[in-house]
Amino acid sequence: MRLHLAIAALLGPLAGAGSAWAQANTVEQIYQSDLAICNSGQLSAPAREACVREAGRRRDAARGGPPPEIPQATPDGRATVVTPEGAPPPPTSADPVPSRDGRANVVPAR
């Protein structure tokens, strides 16, 4: 994992649109590699969760920090949902919507 950090640190100073895309792509590949290590089945549940959090922290640091959170009102105005910048607006129907990771169904407020 230290090698991943060294690679990300070396790619940081590169400038230009092509290198910015390459850096973002490399950061995502490193993150996916870290997640594969975390999910290899060799860690206990608490250690795996810590590993996943650390991988996310490293990705956020390489990207310049976590995405800003934007409050969005639901269409009926009864709730405010805080989402990362660029996320889709809250759903307008009462149908369950799967979460991004697919582990839960979210039922919007009616």
C-alpha atoms as a PDB file:
ATOM      1  CA  MET A   1       0.000   0.000   0.000  1.00  0.00           C
ATOM      2  CA  ARG A   2       2.963   2.330   0.571  1.00  0.00           C
ATOM      3  CA  LEU A   3       3.904   1.850  -3.066  1.00  0.00           C
ATOM      4  CA  HIS A   4       0.461   3.185  -3.997  1.00  0.00           C
ATOM      5  CA  LEU A   5       1.107   6.296  -1.924  1.00  0.00           C
ATOM      6  CA  ALA A   6       4.500   6.797  -3.538  1.00  0.00           C
ATOM      7  CA  ILE A   7       2.986   6.513  -7.017  1.00  0.00           C
ATOM      8  CA  ALA A   8       0.235   8.991  -6.140  1.00  0.00           C
ATOM      9  CA  ALA A   9       2.820  11.401  -4.692  1.00  0.00           C
ATOM     10  CA  LEU A  10       4.940  11.203  -7.843  1.00  0.00           C
ATOM     11  CA  LEU A  11       1.948  11.828 -10.086  1.00  0.00           C
ATOM     12  CA  GLY A  12       0.748  14.822  -8.040  1.00  0.00           C
ATOM     13  CA  PRO A  13       2.936  17.539  -9.622  1.00  0.00           C
ATOM     14  CA  LEU A  14       2.054  16.635 -13.202  1.00  0.00           C
ATOM     15  CA  ALA A  15       0.153  19.378 -15.004  1.00  0.00           C
ATOM     16  CA  GLY A  16      -2.157  19.534 -18.032  1.00  0.00           C
ATOM     17  CA  ALA A  17      -5.508  18.048 -18.914  1.00  0.00           C
ATOM     18  CA  GLY A  18      -4.101  14.719 -20.087  1.00  0.00           C
ATOM     19  CA  SER A  19      -2.029  14.253 -16.985  1.00  0.00           C
ATOM     20  CA  ALA A  20      -4.966  15.309 -14.766  1.00  0.00           C
ATOM     21  CA  TRP A  21      -7.089  12.598 -16.359  1.00  0.00           C
ATOM     22  CA  ALA A  22      -4.250  10.101 -16.040  1.00  0.00           C
ATOM     23  CA  GLN A  23      -3.795  11.032 -12.390  1.00  0.00           C
ATOM     24  CA  ALA A  24      -7.527  10.663 -11.669  1.00  0.00           C
ATOM     25  CA  ASN A  25      -7.520   7.308 -13.446  1.00  0.00           C
ATOM     26  CA  THR A  26      -4.426   6.169 -11.524  1.00  0.00           C
ATOM     27  CA  VAL A  27      -5.926   7.309  -8.212  1.00  0.00           C
ATOM     28  CA  GLU A  28      -9.082   5.314  -8.950  1.00  0.00           C
ATOM     29  CA  GLN A  29      -7.052   2.240  -9.927  1.00  0.00           C
ATOM     30  CA  ILE A  30      -5.054   2.483  -6.699  1.00  0.00           C
ATOM     31  CA  TYR A  31      -8.293   2.829  -4.722  1.00  0.00           C
ATOM     32  CA  GLN A  32      -9.786  -0.235  -6.419  1.00  0.00           C
ATOM     33  CA  SER A  33      -6.573  -2.183  -5.739  1.00  0.00           C
ATOM     34  CA  ASP A  34      -6.686  -1.153  -2.069  1.00  0.00           C
ATOM     35  CA  LEU A  35     -10.337  -2.244  -1.859  1.00  0.00           C
ATOM     36  CA  ALA A  36      -9.458  -5.615  -3.366  1.00  0.00           C
ATOM     37  CA  ILE A  37      -6.870  -6.071  -0.614  1.00  0.00           C
ATOM     38  CA  CYS A  38      -9.419  -5.032   2.026  1.00  0.00           C
ATOM     39  CA  ASN A  39     -12.019  -7.443   0.625  1.00  0.00           C
ATOM     40  CA  SER A  40      -9.632 -10.370   0.169  1.00  0.00           C
ATOM     41  CA  GLY A  41     -11.219 -12.227   3.092  1.00  0.00           C
ATOM     42  CA  GLN A  42      -8.038 -12.244   5.163  1.00  0.00           C
ATOM     43  CA  LEU A  43      -9.073  -9.438   7.548  1.00  0.00           C
ATOM     44  CA  SER A  44     -11.468  -9.503  10.459  1.00  0.00           C
ATOM     45  CA  ALA A  45     -14.598  -7.364  10.066  1.00  0.00           C
ATOM     46  CA  PRO A  46     -13.247  -4.421  12.134  1.00  0.00           C
ATOM     47  CA  ALA A  47      -9.896  -4.531  10.320  1.00  0.00           C
ATOM     48  CA  ARG A  48     -11.650  -4.706   6.934  1.00  0.00           C
ATOM     49  CA  GLU A  49     -13.829  -1.712   7.775  1.00  0.00           C
ATOM     50  CA  ALA A  50     -10.769   0.264   8.896  1.00  0.00           C
ATOM     51  CA  CYS A  51      -8.975  -0.753   5.694  1.00  0.00           C
ATOM     52  CA  VAL A  52     -11.885   0.468   3.530  1.00  0.00           C
ATOM     53  CA  ARG A  53     -12.044   3.772   5.445  1.00  0.00           C
ATOM     54  CA  GLU A  54      -8.290   4.273   5.043  1.00  0.00           C
ATOM     55  CA  ALA A  55      -8.488   3.528   1.303  1.00  0.00           C
ATOM     56  CA  GLY A  56     -11.229   6.150   0.991  1.00  0.00           C
ATOM     57  CA  ARG A  57      -9.194   8.681   2.985  1.00  0.00           C
ATOM     58  CA  ARG A  58      -6.195   8.126   0.711  1.00  0.00           C
ATOM     59  CA  ARG A  59      -8.359   8.572  -2.404  1.00  0.00           C
ATOM     60  CA  ASP A  60      -9.910  11.753  -1.009  1.00  0.00           C
ATOM     61  CA  ALA A  61      -6.450  13.107  -0.127  1.00  0.00           C
ATOM     62  CA  ALA A  62      -5.162  12.354  -3.644  1.00  0.00           C
ATOM     63  CA  ARG A  63      -8.193  14.135  -5.118  1.00  0.00           C
ATOM     64  CA  GLY A  64      -7.695  17.199  -2.922  1.00  0.00           C
ATOM     65  CA  GLY A  65     -10.273  16.334  -0.260  1.00  0.00           C
ATOM     66  CA  PRO A  66     -13.737  14.830  -0.080  1.00  0.00           C
ATOM     67  CA  PRO A  67     -16.416  16.212  -2.394  1.00  0.00           C
ATOM     68  CA  PRO A  68     -18.383  19.122  -0.940  1.00  0.00           C
ATOM     69  CA  GLU A  69     -21.781  18.270   0.476  1.00  0.00           C
ATOM     70  CA  ILE A  70     -24.771  20.079  -1.013  1.00  0.00           C
ATOM     71  CA  PRO A  71     -28.131  20.273   0.815  1.00  0.00           C
ATOM     72  CA  GLN A  72     -31.065  19.586  -1.527  1.00  0.00           C
ATOM     73  CA  ALA A  73     -34.733  19.873  -0.635  1.00  0.00           C
ATOM     74  CA  THR A  74     -37.005  17.006  -1.627  1.00  0.00           C
ATOM     75  CA  PRO A  75     -39.689  17.863  -4.205  1.00  0.00           C
ATOM     76  CA  ASP A  76     -42.398  18.026  -1.534  1.00  0.00           C
ATOM     77  CA  GLY A  77     -40.206  20.259   0.655  1.00  0.00           C
ATOM     78  CA  ARG A  78     -40.594  18.073   3.747  1.00  0.00           C
ATOM     79  CA  ALA A  79     -36.943  17.040   4.012  1.00  0.00           C
ATOM     80  CA  THR A  80     -33.451  18.190   3.151  1.00  0.00           C
ATOM     81  CA  VAL A  81     -31.038  15.611   1.800  1.00  0.00           C
ATOM     82  CA  VAL A  82     -27.288  16.244   2.009  1.00  0.00           C
ATOM     83  CA  THR A  83     -25.534  14.726  -1.003  1.00  0.00           C
ATOM     84  CA  PRO A  84     -22.088  14.990  -2.585  1.00  0.00           C
ATOM     85  CA  GLU A  85     -21.732  17.649  -5.259  1.00  0.00           C
ATOM     86  CA  GLY A  86     -22.861  16.330  -8.643  1.00  0.00           C
ATOM     87  CA  ALA A  87     -25.177  13.681  -7.193  1.00  0.00           C
ATOM     88  CA  PRO A  88     -28.602  13.289  -8.811  1.00  0.00           C
ATOM     89  CA  PRO A  89     -31.476  15.183  -7.183  1.00  0.00           C
ATOM     90  CA  PRO A  90     -33.616  13.340  -4.629  1.00  0.00           C
ATOM     91  CA  PRO A  91     -36.220  11.051  -6.245  1.00  0.00           C
ATOM     92  CA  THR A  92     -39.757  12.316  -6.698  1.00  0.00           C
ATOM     93  CA  SER A  93     -41.670   9.034  -6.474  1.00  0.00           C
ATOM     94  CA  ALA A  94     -42.379   6.762  -3.514  1.00  0.00           C
ATOM     95  CA  ASP A  95     -40.741   3.790  -5.232  1.00  0.00           C
ATOM     96  CA  PRO A  96     -37.738   2.293  -3.404  1.00  0.00           C
ATOM     97  CA  VAL A  97     -34.410   3.252  -4.930  1.00  0.00           C
ATOM     98  CA  PRO A  98     -31.317   1.035  -4.474  1.00  0.00           C
ATOM     99  CA  SER A  99     -28.382   2.698  -2.709  1.00  0.00           C
ATOM    100  CA  ARG A 100     -25.195   3.308  -4.686  1.00  0.00           C
ATOM    101  CA  ASP A 101     -23.512   0.278  -3.200  1.00  0.00           C
ATOM    102  CA  GLY A 102     -26.622  -1.875  -3.730  1.00  0.00           C
ATOM    103  CA  ARG A 103     -26.819  -2.976  -0.101  1.00  0.00           C
ATOM    104  CA  ALA A 104     -30.026  -1.115   0.785  1.00  0.00           C
ATOM    105  CA  ASN A 105     -33.265   0.226  -0.651  1.00  0.00           C
ATOM    106  CA  VAL A 106     -34.105   3.839   0.103  1.00  0.00           C
ATOM    107  CA  VAL A 107     -37.779   4.776   0.266  1.00  0.00           C
ATOM    108  CA  PRO A 108     -38.226   8.536  -0.336  1.00  0.00           C
ATOM    109  CA  ALA A 109     -40.507  10.619   1.879  1.00  0.00           C
ATOM    110  CA  ARG A 110     -44.043  10.922   0.557  1.00  0.00           C
END
